[in-house]
Amino acid sequence: MAEAADAAGVADKDIAAETDADVKARKEREKDELYALDISDVEWHSAPGTEEHEERVEIAYLPEGAVAMRSSLDPDTVLRYTEAEWRAFVLGARDGEFDLEPAPHNGGRAPQ
């Protein structure tokens, strides 16, 4: 048990000692690995209550907490997000970071 804690401590120190260049290289490797995954057999999910013929956002859960996202009308174009990226997006959405502002094209009203 102590060995595992020691190993975790070493890993934490290694991460803390990363330079900006190391972080950038690690993130690029993670993205390369994510896009190298074969996702041809993943199960796609969309919001409940949407119809098959409607345009909708679909997501698929990938290994290590990653997520793939696509439009039902363009299923060949798939964006992939690491667990950290997806978590940041979801938390931002919950906090209202992406709420639409009233604009002239929608009659000056916020979307319902």
PDB file of N, CA and C in Angstrom:
ATOM      1  N   MET A   1       0.823  -1.185   0.000  1.00  0.00           N
ATOM      2  CA  MET A   1       0.000   0.000   0.000  1.00  0.00           C
ATOM      3  C   MET A   1       0.876   1.260   0.000  1.00  0.00           C
ATOM      4  N   ALA A   2       1.902   1.251   0.824  1.00  0.00           N
ATOM      5  CA  ALA A   2       2.799   2.401   0.879  1.00  0.00           C
ATOM      6  C   ALA A   2       3.527   2.581  -0.444  1.00  0.00           C
ATOM      7  N   GLU A   3       3.845   1.452  -1.107  1.00  0.00           N
ATOM      8  CA  GLU A   3       4.519   1.540  -2.404  1.00  0.00           C
ATOM      9  C   GLU A   3       3.643   2.251  -3.423  1.00  0.00           C
ATOM     10  N   ALA A   4       2.339   1.937  -3.415  1.00  0.00           N
ATOM     11  CA  ALA A   4       1.417   2.592  -4.347  1.00  0.00           C
ATOM     12  C   ALA A   4       1.346   4.088  -4.065  1.00  0.00           C
ATOM     13  N   ALA A   5       1.300   4.439  -2.792  1.00  0.00           N
ATOM     14  CA  ALA A   5       1.255   5.854  -2.427  1.00  0.00           C
ATOM     15  C   ALA A   5       2.539   6.552  -2.852  1.00  0.00           C
ATOM     16  N   ASP A   6       3.690   5.870  -2.632  1.00  0.00           N
ATOM     17  CA  ASP A   6       4.960   6.448  -3.065  1.00  0.00           C
ATOM     18  C   ASP A   6       4.986   6.638  -4.577  1.00  0.00           C
ATOM     19  N   ALA A   7       4.497   5.638  -5.313  1.00  0.00           N
ATOM     20  CA  ALA A   7       4.469   5.731  -6.778  1.00  0.00           C
ATOM     21  C   ALA A   7       3.567   6.873  -7.218  1.00  0.00           C
ATOM     22  N   ALA A   8       2.421   7.015  -6.551  1.00  0.00           N
ATOM     23  CA  ALA A   8       1.505   8.108  -6.892  1.00  0.00           C
ATOM     24  C   ALA A   8       2.161   9.447  -6.600  1.00  0.00           C
ATOM     25  N   GLY A   9       2.899   9.529  -5.499  1.00  0.00           N
ATOM     26  CA  GLY A   9       3.594  10.760  -5.160  1.00  0.00           C
ATOM     27  C   GLY A   9       4.635  11.124  -6.191  1.00  0.00           C
ATOM     28  N   VAL A  10       5.358  10.128  -6.681  1.00  0.00           N
ATOM     29  CA  VAL A  10       6.356  10.360  -7.726  1.00  0.00           C
ATOM     30  C   VAL A  10       5.676  10.849  -8.991  1.00  0.00           C
ATOM     31  N   ALA A  11       4.547  10.213  -9.350  1.00  0.00           N
ATOM     32  CA  ALA A  11       3.816  10.629 -10.548  1.00  0.00           C
ATOM     33  C   ALA A  11       3.334  12.069 -10.408  1.00  0.00           C
ATOM     34  N   ASP A  12       2.813  12.428  -9.219  1.00  0.00           N
ATOM     35  CA  ASP A  12       2.355  13.795  -8.992  1.00  0.00           C
ATOM     36  C   ASP A  12       3.508  14.787  -9.125  1.00  0.00           C
ATOM     37  N   LYS A  13       4.684  14.428  -8.584  1.00  0.00           N
ATOM     38  CA  LYS A  13       5.848  15.307  -8.685  1.00  0.00           C
ATOM     39  C   LYS A  13       6.281  15.452 -10.139  1.00  0.00           C
ATOM     40  N   ASP A  14       6.217  14.337 -10.901  1.00  0.00           N
ATOM     41  CA  ASP A  14       6.595  14.390 -12.311  1.00  0.00           C
ATOM     42  C   ASP A  14       5.684  15.338 -13.077  1.00  0.00           C
ATOM     43  N   ILE A  15       4.385  15.261 -12.800  1.00  0.00           N
ATOM     44  CA  ILE A  15       3.431  16.137 -13.482  1.00  0.00           C
ATOM     45  C   ILE A  15       3.683  17.591 -13.081  1.00  0.00           C
ATOM     46  N   ALA A  16       3.949  17.816 -11.789  1.00  0.00           N
ATOM     47  CA  ALA A  16       4.196  19.172 -11.310  1.00  0.00           C
ATOM     48  C   ALA A  16       5.472  19.747 -11.913  1.00  0.00           C
ATOM     49  N   ALA A  17       6.435  18.882 -12.255  1.00  0.00           N
ATOM     50  CA  ALA A  17       7.713  19.337 -12.791  1.00  0.00           C
ATOM     51  C   ALA A  17       7.670  19.547 -14.306  1.00  0.00           C
ATOM     52  N   GLU A  18       6.544  19.269 -14.945  1.00  0.00           N
ATOM     53  CA  GLU A  18       6.439  19.434 -16.401  1.00  0.00           C
ATOM     54  C   GLU A  18       6.611  20.898 -16.797  1.00  0.00           C
ATOM     55  N   THR A  19       7.366  21.109 -17.839  1.00  0.00           N
ATOM     56  CA  THR A  19       7.488  22.456 -18.394  1.00  0.00           C
ATOM     57  C   THR A  19       6.299  22.702 -19.320  1.00  0.00           C
ATOM     58  N   ASP A  20       6.132  23.935 -19.753  1.00  0.00           N
ATOM     59  CA  ASP A  20       5.060  24.245 -20.701  1.00  0.00           C
ATOM     60  C   ASP A  20       5.210  23.419 -21.974  1.00  0.00           C
ATOM     61  N   ALA A  21       6.443  23.239 -22.419  1.00  0.00           N
ATOM     62  CA  ALA A  21       6.687  22.436 -23.628  1.00  0.00           C
ATOM     63  C   ALA A  21       6.314  20.975 -23.399  1.00  0.00           C
ATOM     64  N   ASP A  22       6.602  20.462 -22.186  1.00  0.00           N
ATOM     65  CA  ASP A  22       6.238  19.080 -21.854  1.00  0.00           C
ATOM     66  C   ASP A  22       4.721  18.909 -21.865  1.00  0.00           C
ATOM     67  N   VAL A  23       4.020  19.866 -21.276  1.00  0.00           N
ATOM     68  CA  VAL A  23       2.555  19.805 -21.223  1.00  0.00           C
ATOM     69  C   VAL A  23       1.985  19.828 -22.634  1.00  0.00           C
ATOM     70  N   LYS A  24       2.499  20.728 -23.459  1.00  0.00           N
ATOM     71  CA  LYS A  24       2.017  20.825 -24.842  1.00  0.00           C
ATOM     72  C   LYS A  24       2.266  19.522 -25.595  1.00  0.00           C
ATOM     73  N   ALA A  25       3.448  18.949 -25.445  1.00  0.00           N
ATOM     74  CA  ALA A  25       3.778  17.690 -26.129  1.00  0.00           C
ATOM     75  C   ALA A  25       2.895  16.551 -25.631  1.00  0.00           C
ATOM     76  N   ARG A  26       2.649  16.496 -24.314  1.00  0.00           N
ATOM     77  CA  ARG A  26       1.791  15.445 -23.754  1.00  0.00           C
ATOM     78  C   ARG A  26       0.367  15.565 -24.289  1.00  0.00           C
ATOM     79  N   LYS A  27      -0.152  16.784 -24.330  1.00  0.00           N
ATOM     80  CA  LYS A  27      -1.517  16.987 -24.828  1.00  0.00           C
ATOM     81  C   LYS A  27      -1.623  16.632 -26.307  1.00  0.00           C
ATOM     82  N   GLU A  28      -0.599  16.955 -27.082  1.00  0.00           N
ATOM     83  CA  GLU A  28      -0.601  16.588 -28.502  1.00  0.00           C
ATOM     84  C   GLU A  28      -0.583  15.072 -28.670  1.00  0.00           C
ATOM     85  N   ARG A  29       0.216  14.378 -27.836  1.00  0.00           N
ATOM     86  CA  ARG A  29       0.243  12.908 -27.884  1.00  0.00           C
ATOM     87  C   ARG A  29      -1.123  12.331 -27.539  1.00  0.00           C
ATOM     88  N   GLU A  30      -1.757  12.881 -26.483  1.00  0.00           N
ATOM     89  CA  GLU A  30      -3.085  12.406 -26.082  1.00  0.00           C
ATOM     90  C   GLU A  30      -4.080  12.569 -27.225  1.00  0.00           C
ATOM     91  N   LYS A  31      -4.049  13.717 -27.904  1.00  0.00           N
ATOM     92  CA  LYS A  31      -4.975  13.947 -29.022  1.00  0.00           C
ATOM     93  C   LYS A  31      -4.673  13.010 -30.182  1.00  0.00           C
ATOM     94  N   ASP A  32      -3.388  12.818 -30.490  1.00  0.00           N
ATOM     95  CA  ASP A  32      -3.020  11.897 -31.569  1.00  0.00           C
ATOM     96  C   ASP A  32      -3.532  10.490 -31.271  1.00  0.00           C
ATOM     97  N   GLU A  33      -3.355  10.041 -30.028  1.00  0.00           N
ATOM     98  CA  GLU A  33      -3.829   8.710 -29.635  1.00  0.00           C
ATOM     99  C   GLU A  33      -5.349   8.636 -29.710  1.00  0.00           C
ATOM    100  N   LEU A  34      -6.010   9.706 -29.309  1.00  0.00           N
ATOM    101  CA  LEU A  34      -7.472   9.747 -29.331  1.00  0.00           C
ATOM    102  C   LEU A  34      -8.002   9.646 -30.757  1.00  0.00           C
ATOM    103  N   TYR A  35      -7.384  10.375 -31.681  1.00  0.00           N
ATOM    104  CA  TYR A  35      -7.836  10.334 -33.071  1.00  0.00           C
ATOM    105  C   TYR A  35      -7.394   9.065 -33.793  1.00  0.00           C
ATOM    106  N   ALA A  36      -6.458   8.324 -33.216  1.00  0.00           N
ATOM    107  CA  ALA A  36      -6.036   7.053 -33.809  1.00  0.00           C
ATOM    108  C   ALA A  36      -6.981   5.911 -33.435  1.00  0.00           C
ATOM    109  N   LEU A  37      -7.830   6.125 -32.429  1.00  0.00           N
ATOM    110  CA  LEU A  37      -8.771   5.078 -32.005  1.00  0.00           C
ATOM    111  C   LEU A  37      -9.755   4.741 -33.122  1.00  0.00           C
ATOM    112  N   ASP A  38     -10.025   3.457 -33.287  1.00  0.00           N
ATOM    113  CA  ASP A  38     -11.073   3.015 -34.212  1.00  0.00           C
ATOM    114  C   ASP A  38     -12.407   3.144 -33.481  1.00  0.00           C
ATOM    115  N   ILE A  39     -13.247   4.043 -33.950  1.00  0.00           N
ATOM    116  CA  ILE A  39     -14.542   4.249 -33.280  1.00  0.00           C
ATOM    117  C   ILE A  39     -15.706   3.792 -34.162  1.00  0.00           C
ATOM    118  N   SER A  40     -15.421   2.931 -35.117  1.00  0.00           N
ATOM    119  CA  SER A  40     -16.466   2.504 -36.052  1.00  0.00           C
ATOM    120  C   SER A  40     -17.586   1.721 -35.371  1.00  0.00           C
ATOM    121  N   ASP A  41     -17.321   1.119 -34.230  1.00  0.00           N
ATOM    122  CA  ASP A  41     -18.345   0.315 -33.557  1.00  0.00           C
ATOM    123  C   ASP A  41     -18.888   0.955 -32.283  1.00  0.00           C
ATOM    124  N   VAL A  42     -18.619   2.255 -32.062  1.00  0.00           N
ATOM    125  CA  VAL A  42     -19.108   2.883 -30.833  1.00  0.00           C
ATOM    126  C   VAL A  42     -20.618   3.070 -30.903  1.00  0.00           C
ATOM    127  N   GLU A  43     -21.219   3.185 -29.741  1.00  0.00           N
ATOM    128  CA  GLU A  43     -22.663   3.436 -29.657  1.00  0.00           C
ATOM    129  C   GLU A  43     -22.879   4.940 -29.494  1.00  0.00           C
ATOM    130  N   TRP A  44     -23.630   5.522 -30.421  1.00  0.00           N
ATOM    131  CA  TRP A  44     -23.897   6.960 -30.401  1.00  0.00           C
ATOM    132  C   TRP A  44     -25.169   7.235 -29.624  1.00  0.00           C
ATOM    133  N   HIS A  45     -25.162   8.311 -28.828  1.00  0.00           N
ATOM    134  CA  HIS A  45     -26.304   8.705 -27.998  1.00  0.00           C
ATOM    135  C   HIS A  45     -26.718  10.124 -28.369  1.00  0.00           C
ATOM    136  N   SER A  46     -28.016  10.380 -28.309  1.00  0.00           N
ATOM    137  CA  SER A  46     -28.514  11.741 -28.520  1.00  0.00           C
ATOM    138  C   SER A  46     -29.527  12.056 -27.430  1.00  0.00           C
ATOM    139  N   ALA A  47     -29.921  13.300 -27.369  1.00  0.00           N
ATOM    140  CA  ALA A  47     -30.857  13.730 -26.333  1.00  0.00           C
ATOM    141  C   ALA A  47     -32.175  12.986 -26.466  1.00  0.00           C
ATOM    142  N   PRO A  48     -32.771  12.614 -25.342  1.00  0.00           N
ATOM    143  CA  PRO A  48     -34.069  11.949 -25.408  1.00  0.00           C
ATOM    144  C   PRO A  48     -35.108  12.867 -26.038  1.00  0.00           C
ATOM    145  N   GLY A  49     -36.019  12.281 -26.766  1.00  0.00           N
ATOM    146  CA  GLY A  49     -37.099  13.042 -27.375  1.00  0.00           C
ATOM    147  C   GLY A  49     -36.797  13.566 -28.760  1.00  0.00           C
ATOM    148  N   THR A  50     -35.596  13.327 -29.267  1.00  0.00           N
ATOM    149  CA  THR A  50     -35.290  13.772 -30.626  1.00  0.00           C
ATOM    150  C   THR A  50     -35.676  12.681 -31.614  1.00  0.00           C
ATOM    151  N   GLU A  51     -36.076  13.104 -32.782  1.00  0.00           N
ATOM    152  CA  GLU A  51     -36.506  12.176 -33.828  1.00  0.00           C
ATOM    153  C   GLU A  51     -35.334  11.821 -34.728  1.00  0.00           C
ATOM    154  N   GLU A  52     -35.404  10.660 -35.354  1.00  0.00           N
ATOM    155  CA  GLU A  52     -34.339  10.192 -36.243  1.00  0.00           C
ATOM    156  C   GLU A  52     -34.059  11.171 -37.385  1.00  0.00           C
ATOM    157  N   HIS A  53     -35.101  11.824 -37.919  1.00  0.00           N
ATOM    158  CA  HIS A  53     -34.927  12.718 -39.069  1.00  0.00           C
ATOM    159  C   HIS A  53     -34.470  14.122 -38.668  1.00  0.00           C
ATOM    160  N   GLU A  54     -34.488  14.451 -37.384  1.00  0.00           N
ATOM    161  CA  GLU A  54     -34.079  15.772 -36.912  1.00  0.00           C
ATOM    162  C   GLU A  54     -32.560  15.861 -36.805  1.00  0.00           C
ATOM    163  N   GLU A  55     -32.040  17.062 -37.038  1.00  0.00           N
ATOM    164  CA  GLU A  55     -30.618  17.259 -36.767  1.00  0.00           C
ATOM    165  C   GLU A  55     -30.430  17.270 -35.255  1.00  0.00           C
ATOM    166  N   ARG A  56     -29.458  16.545 -34.793  1.00  0.00           N
ATOM    167  CA  ARG A  56     -29.197  16.484 -33.362  1.00  0.00           C
ATOM    168  C   ARG A  56     -27.709  16.218 -33.133  1.00  0.00           C
ATOM    169  N   VAL A  57     -27.241  16.588 -31.978  1.00  0.00           N
ATOM    170  CA  VAL A  57     -25.873  16.290 -31.582  1.00  0.00           C
ATOM    171  C   VAL A  57     -25.858  14.888 -31.005  1.00  0.00           C
ATOM    172  N   GLU A  58     -24.863  14.109 -31.407  1.00  0.00           N
ATOM    173  CA  GLU A  58     -24.706  12.750 -30.887  1.00  0.00           C
ATOM    174  C   GLU A  58     -23.336  12.641 -30.229  1.00  0.00           C
ATOM    175  N   ILE A  59     -23.286  11.910 -29.117  1.00  0.00           N
ATOM    176  CA  ILE A  59     -22.006  11.680 -28.461  1.00  0.00           C
ATOM    177  C   ILE A  59     -21.794  10.187 -28.272  1.00  0.00           C
ATOM    178  N   ALA A  60     -20.528   9.813 -28.188  1.00  0.00           N
ATOM    179  CA  ALA A  60     -20.142   8.429 -27.909  1.00  0.00           C
ATOM    180  C   ALA A  60     -19.066   8.472 -26.834  1.00  0.00           C
ATOM    181  N   TYR A  61     -19.162   7.554 -25.891  1.00  0.00           N
ATOM    182  CA  TYR A  61     -18.179   7.477 -24.817  1.00  0.00           C
ATOM    183  C   TYR A  61     -17.018   6.602 -25.264  1.00  0.00           C
ATOM    184  N   LEU A  62     -15.805   7.110 -25.095  1.00  0.00           N
ATOM    185  CA  LEU A  62     -14.585   6.433 -25.520  1.00  0.00           C
ATOM    186  C   LEU A  62     -13.774   6.031 -24.288  1.00  0.00           C
ATOM    187  N   PRO A  63     -12.736   5.225 -24.478  1.00  0.00           N
ATOM    188  CA  PRO A  63     -11.908   4.813 -23.338  1.00  0.00           C
ATOM    189  C   PRO A  63     -11.295   6.004 -22.603  1.00  0.00           C
ATOM    190  N   GLU A  64     -11.007   5.782 -21.333  1.00  0.00           N
ATOM    191  CA  GLU A  64     -10.344   6.763 -20.464  1.00  0.00           C
ATOM    192  C   GLU A  64     -11.123   8.060 -20.320  1.00  0.00           C
ATOM    193  N   GLY A  65     -12.455   7.991 -20.401  1.00  0.00           N
ATOM    194  CA  GLY A  65     -13.288   9.159 -20.182  1.00  0.00           C
ATOM    195  C   GLY A  65     -13.400  10.108 -21.356  1.00  0.00           C
ATOM    196  N   ALA A  66     -12.793   9.766 -22.476  1.00  0.00           N
ATOM    197  CA  ALA A  66     -12.870  10.626 -23.660  1.00  0.00           C
ATOM    198  C   ALA A  66     -14.268  10.539 -24.276  1.00  0.00           C
ATOM    199  N   VAL A  67     -14.592  11.511 -25.110  1.00  0.00           N
ATOM    200  CA  VAL A  67     -15.912  11.577 -25.740  1.00  0.00           C
ATOM    201  C   VAL A  67     -15.745  11.982 -27.200  1.00  0.00           C
ATOM    202  N   ALA A  68     -16.556  11.375 -28.062  1.00  0.00           N
ATOM    203  CA  ALA A  68     -16.628  11.777 -29.468  1.00  0.00           C
ATOM    204  C   ALA A  68     -17.966  12.472 -29.678  1.00  0.00           C
ATOM    205  N   MET A  69     -17.996  13.477 -30.553  1.00  0.00           N
ATOM    206  CA  MET A  69     -19.225  14.228 -30.812  1.00  0.00           C
ATOM    207  C   MET A  69     -19.374  14.430 -32.316  1.00  0.00           C
ATOM    208  N   ARG A  70     -20.619  14.353 -32.793  1.00  0.00           N
ATOM    209  CA  ARG A  70     -20.892  14.578 -34.216  1.00  0.00           C
ATOM    210  C   ARG A  70     -22.313  15.100 -34.386  1.00  0.00           C
ATOM    211  N   SER A  71     -22.603  15.582 -35.579  1.00  0.00           N
ATOM    212  CA  SER A  71     -23.958  15.963 -35.959  1.00  0.00           C
ATOM    213  C   SER A  71     -24.589  14.771 -36.663  1.00  0.00           C
ATOM    214  N   SER A  72     -25.850  14.522 -36.397  1.00  0.00           N
ATOM    215  CA  SER A  72     -26.537  13.403 -37.046  1.00  0.00           C
ATOM    216  C   SER A  72     -26.627  13.601 -38.556  1.00  0.00           C
ATOM    217  N   LEU A  73     -26.562  14.853 -39.024  1.00  0.00           N
ATOM    218  CA  LEU A  73     -26.633  15.120 -40.459  1.00  0.00           C
ATOM    219  C   LEU A  73     -25.274  15.025 -41.151  1.00  0.00           C
ATOM    220  N   ASP A  74     -24.207  14.932 -40.374  1.00  0.00           N
ATOM    221  CA  ASP A  74     -22.855  14.808 -40.933  1.00  0.00           C
ATOM    222  C   ASP A  74     -22.068  13.806 -40.085  1.00  0.00           C
ATOM    223  N   PRO A  75     -22.474  12.539 -40.100  1.00  0.00           N
ATOM    224  CA  PRO A  75     -21.883  11.555 -39.190  1.00  0.00           C
ATOM    225  C   PRO A  75     -20.417  11.228 -39.456  1.00  0.00           C
ATOM    226  N   ASP A  76     -19.890  11.620 -40.605  1.00  0.00           N
ATOM    227  CA  ASP A  76     -18.484  11.327 -40.893  1.00  0.00           C
ATOM    228  C   ASP A  76     -17.526  12.342 -40.269  1.00  0.00           C
ATOM    229  N   THR A  77     -18.044  13.490 -39.871  1.00  0.00           N
ATOM    230  CA  THR A  77     -17.212  14.498 -39.217  1.00  0.00           C
ATOM    231  C   THR A  77     -17.378  14.342 -37.712  1.00  0.00           C
ATOM    232  N   VAL A  78     -16.325  13.873 -37.073  1.00  0.00           N
ATOM    233  CA  VAL A  78     -16.384  13.561 -35.643  1.00  0.00           C
ATOM    234  C   VAL A  78     -15.302  14.341 -34.905  1.00  0.00           C
ATOM    235  N   LEU A  79     -15.702  15.033 -33.865  1.00  0.00           N
ATOM    236  CA  LEU A  79     -14.759  15.712 -32.982  1.00  0.00           C
ATOM    237  C   LEU A  79     -14.529  14.813 -31.773  1.00  0.00           C
ATOM    238  N   ARG A  80     -13.308  14.795 -31.278  1.00  0.00           N
ATOM    239  CA  ARG A  80     -12.983  13.952 -30.128  1.00  0.00           C
ATOM    240  C   ARG A  80     -12.367  14.814 -29.037  1.00  0.00           C
ATOM    241  N   TYR A  81     -12.784  14.540 -27.808  1.00  0.00           N
ATOM    242  CA  TYR A  81     -12.342  15.327 -26.667  1.00  0.00           C
ATOM    243  C   TYR A  81     -11.776  14.418 -25.592  1.00  0.00           C
ATOM    244  N   THR A  82     -10.664  14.845 -24.990  1.00  0.00           N
ATOM    245  CA  THR A  82     -10.119  14.115 -23.853  1.00  0.00           C
ATOM    246  C   THR A  82     -11.071  14.285 -22.673  1.00  0.00           C
ATOM    247  N   GLU A  83     -10.862  13.497 -21.650  1.00  0.00           N
ATOM    248  CA  GLU A  83     -11.703  13.617 -20.460  1.00  0.00           C
ATOM    249  C   GLU A  83     -11.626  15.030 -19.883  1.00  0.00           C
ATOM    250  N   ALA A  84     -10.433  15.601 -19.825  1.00  0.00           N
ATOM    251  CA  ALA A  84     -10.270  16.949 -19.268  1.00  0.00           C
ATOM    252  C   ALA A  84     -11.001  17.993 -20.113  1.00  0.00           C
ATOM    253  N   GLU A  85     -10.909  17.874 -21.425  1.00  0.00           N
ATOM    254  CA  GLU A  85     -11.603  18.819 -22.309  1.00  0.00           C
ATOM    255  C   GLU A  85     -13.116  18.697 -22.151  1.00  0.00           C
ATOM    256  N   TRP A  86     -13.609  17.463 -22.115  1.00  0.00           N
ATOM    257  CA  TRP A  86     -15.054  17.248 -21.988  1.00  0.00           C
ATOM    258  C   TRP A  86     -15.553  17.761 -20.644  1.00  0.00           C
ATOM    259  N   ARG A  87     -14.801  17.491 -19.579  1.00  0.00           N
ATOM    260  CA  ARG A  87     -15.190  17.956 -18.247  1.00  0.00           C
ATOM    261  C   ARG A  87     -15.260  19.486 -18.234  1.00  0.00           C
ATOM    262  N   ALA A  88     -14.267  20.150 -18.820  1.00  0.00           N
ATOM    263  CA  ALA A  88     -14.267  21.615 -18.860  1.00  0.00           C
ATOM    264  C   ALA A  88     -15.483  22.136 -19.622  1.00  0.00           C
ATOM    265  N   PHE A  89     -15.832  21.489 -20.729  1.00  0.00           N
ATOM    266  CA  PHE A  89     -17.001  21.903 -21.503  1.00  0.00           C
ATOM    267  C   PHE A  89     -18.289  21.728 -20.698  1.00  0.00           C
ATOM    268  N   VAL A  90     -18.470  20.558 -20.109  1.00  0.00           N
ATOM    269  CA  VAL A  90     -19.703  20.283 -19.357  1.00  0.00           C
ATOM    270  C   VAL A  90     -19.842  21.244 -18.178  1.00  0.00           C
ATOM    271  N   LEU A  91     -18.765  21.447 -17.443  1.00  0.00           N
ATOM    272  CA  LEU A  91     -18.833  22.370 -16.306  1.00  0.00           C
ATOM    273  C   LEU A  91     -19.106  23.796 -16.769  1.00  0.00           C
ATOM    274  N   GLY A  92     -18.513  24.200 -17.888  1.00  0.00           N
ATOM    275  CA  GLY A  92     -18.779  25.528 -18.435  1.00  0.00           C
ATOM    276  C   GLY A  92     -20.230  25.685 -18.853  1.00  0.00           C
ATOM    277  N   ALA A  93     -20.786  24.644 -19.468  1.00  0.00           N
ATOM    278  CA  ALA A  93     -22.197  24.687 -19.873  1.00  0.00           C
ATOM    279  C   ALA A  93     -23.094  24.798 -18.644  1.00  0.00           C
ATOM    280  N   ARG A  94     -22.775  24.049 -17.614  1.00  0.00           N
ATOM    281  CA  ARG A  94     -23.569  24.116 -16.376  1.00  0.00           C
ATOM    282  C   ARG A  94     -23.513  25.497 -15.748  1.00  0.00           C
ATOM    283  N   ASP A  95     -22.357  26.156 -15.889  1.00  0.00           N
ATOM    284  CA  ASP A  95     -22.184  27.493 -15.309  1.00  0.00           C
ATOM    285  C   ASP A  95     -22.732  28.608 -16.190  1.00  0.00           C
ATOM    286  N   GLY A  96     -23.267  28.261 -17.367  1.00  0.00           N
ATOM    287  CA  GLY A  96     -23.856  29.263 -18.244  1.00  0.00           C
ATOM    288  C   GLY A  96     -22.875  29.959 -19.168  1.00  0.00           C
ATOM    289  N   GLU A  97     -21.652  29.444 -19.287  1.00  0.00           N
ATOM    290  CA  GLU A  97     -20.644  30.091 -20.129  1.00  0.00           C
ATOM    291  C   GLU A  97     -21.046  30.172 -21.597  1.00  0.00           C
ATOM    292  N   PHE A  98     -21.924  29.303 -22.036  1.00  0.00           N
ATOM    293  CA  PHE A  98     -22.272  29.243 -23.457  1.00  0.00           C
ATOM    294  C   PHE A  98     -23.706  29.692 -23.727  1.00  0.00           C
ATOM    295  N   ASP A  99     -24.345  30.298 -22.729  1.00  0.00           N
ATOM    296  CA  ASP A  99     -25.706  30.781 -22.928  1.00  0.00           C
ATOM    297  C   ASP A  99     -25.700  31.853 -24.013  1.00  0.00           C
ATOM    298  N   LEU A 100     -26.694  31.812 -24.870  1.00  0.00           N
ATOM    299  CA  LEU A 100     -26.790  32.774 -25.965  1.00  0.00           C
ATOM    300  C   LEU A 100     -27.324  34.098 -25.454  1.00  0.00           C
ATOM    301  N   GLU A 101     -26.772  35.160 -25.980  1.00  0.00           N
ATOM    302  CA  GLU A 101     -27.233  36.500 -25.640  1.00  0.00           C
ATOM    303  C   GLU A 101     -28.345  36.894 -26.606  1.00  0.00           C
ATOM    304  N   PRO A 102     -29.276  37.744 -26.158  1.00  0.00           N
ATOM    305  CA  PRO A 102     -30.285  38.236 -27.090  1.00  0.00           C
ATOM    306  C   PRO A 102     -29.607  38.919 -28.277  1.00  0.00           C
ATOM    307  N   ALA A 103     -30.136  38.680 -29.467  1.00  0.00           N
ATOM    308  CA  ALA A 103     -29.555  39.257 -30.683  1.00  0.00           C
ATOM    309  C   ALA A 103     -30.672  39.659 -31.631  1.00  0.00           C
ATOM    310  N   PRO A 104     -30.397  40.603 -32.547  1.00  0.00           N
ATOM    311  CA  PRO A 104     -31.424  41.066 -33.482  1.00  0.00           C
ATOM    312  C   PRO A 104     -32.043  39.931 -34.300  1.00  0.00           C
ATOM    313  N   HIS A 105     -31.259  38.915 -34.666  1.00  0.00           N
ATOM    314  CA  HIS A 105     -31.800  37.851 -35.520  1.00  0.00           C
ATOM    315  C   HIS A 105     -32.823  36.979 -34.802  1.00  0.00           C
ATOM    316  N   ASN A 106     -32.860  37.016 -33.470  1.00  0.00           N
ATOM    317  CA  ASN A 106     -33.872  36.228 -32.766  1.00  0.00           C
ATOM    318  C   ASN A 106     -34.894  37.135 -32.079  1.00  0.00           C
ATOM    319  N   GLY A 107     -35.077  38.320 -32.647  1.00  0.00           N
ATOM    320  CA  GLY A 107     -36.079  39.242 -32.123  1.00  0.00           C
ATOM    321  C   GLY A 107     -35.666  39.913 -30.825  1.00  0.00           C
ATOM    322  N   GLY A 108     -34.377  39.856 -30.502  1.00  0.00           N
ATOM    323  CA  GLY A 108     -33.909  40.471 -29.270  1.00  0.00           C
ATOM    324  C   GLY A 108     -34.233  39.677 -28.030  1.00  0.00           C
ATOM    325  N   ARG A 109     -34.685  38.444 -28.222  1.00  0.00           N
ATOM    326  CA  ARG A 109     -35.050  37.605 -27.074  1.00  0.00           C
ATOM    327  C   ARG A 109     -34.010  36.506 -26.891  1.00  0.00           C
ATOM    328  N   ALA A 110     -33.775  36.158 -25.658  1.00  0.00           N
ATOM    329  CA  ALA A 110     -32.926  34.998 -25.376  1.00  0.00           C
ATOM    330  C   ALA A 110     -33.701  33.748 -25.772  1.00  0.00           C
ATOM    331  N   PRO A 111     -33.015  32.719 -26.253  1.00  0.00           N
ATOM    332  CA  PRO A 111     -33.709  31.487 -26.635  1.00  0.00           C
ATOM    333  C   PRO A 111     -34.434  30.879 -25.445  1.00  0.00           C
ATOM    334  N   GLN A 112     -35.539  30.270 -25.711  1.00  0.00           N
ATOM    335  CA  GLN A 112     -36.345  29.635 -24.662  1.00  0.00           C
ATOM    336  C   GLN A 112     -35.862  28.240 -24.397  1.00  0.00           C
TER     337      GLN A 112
END
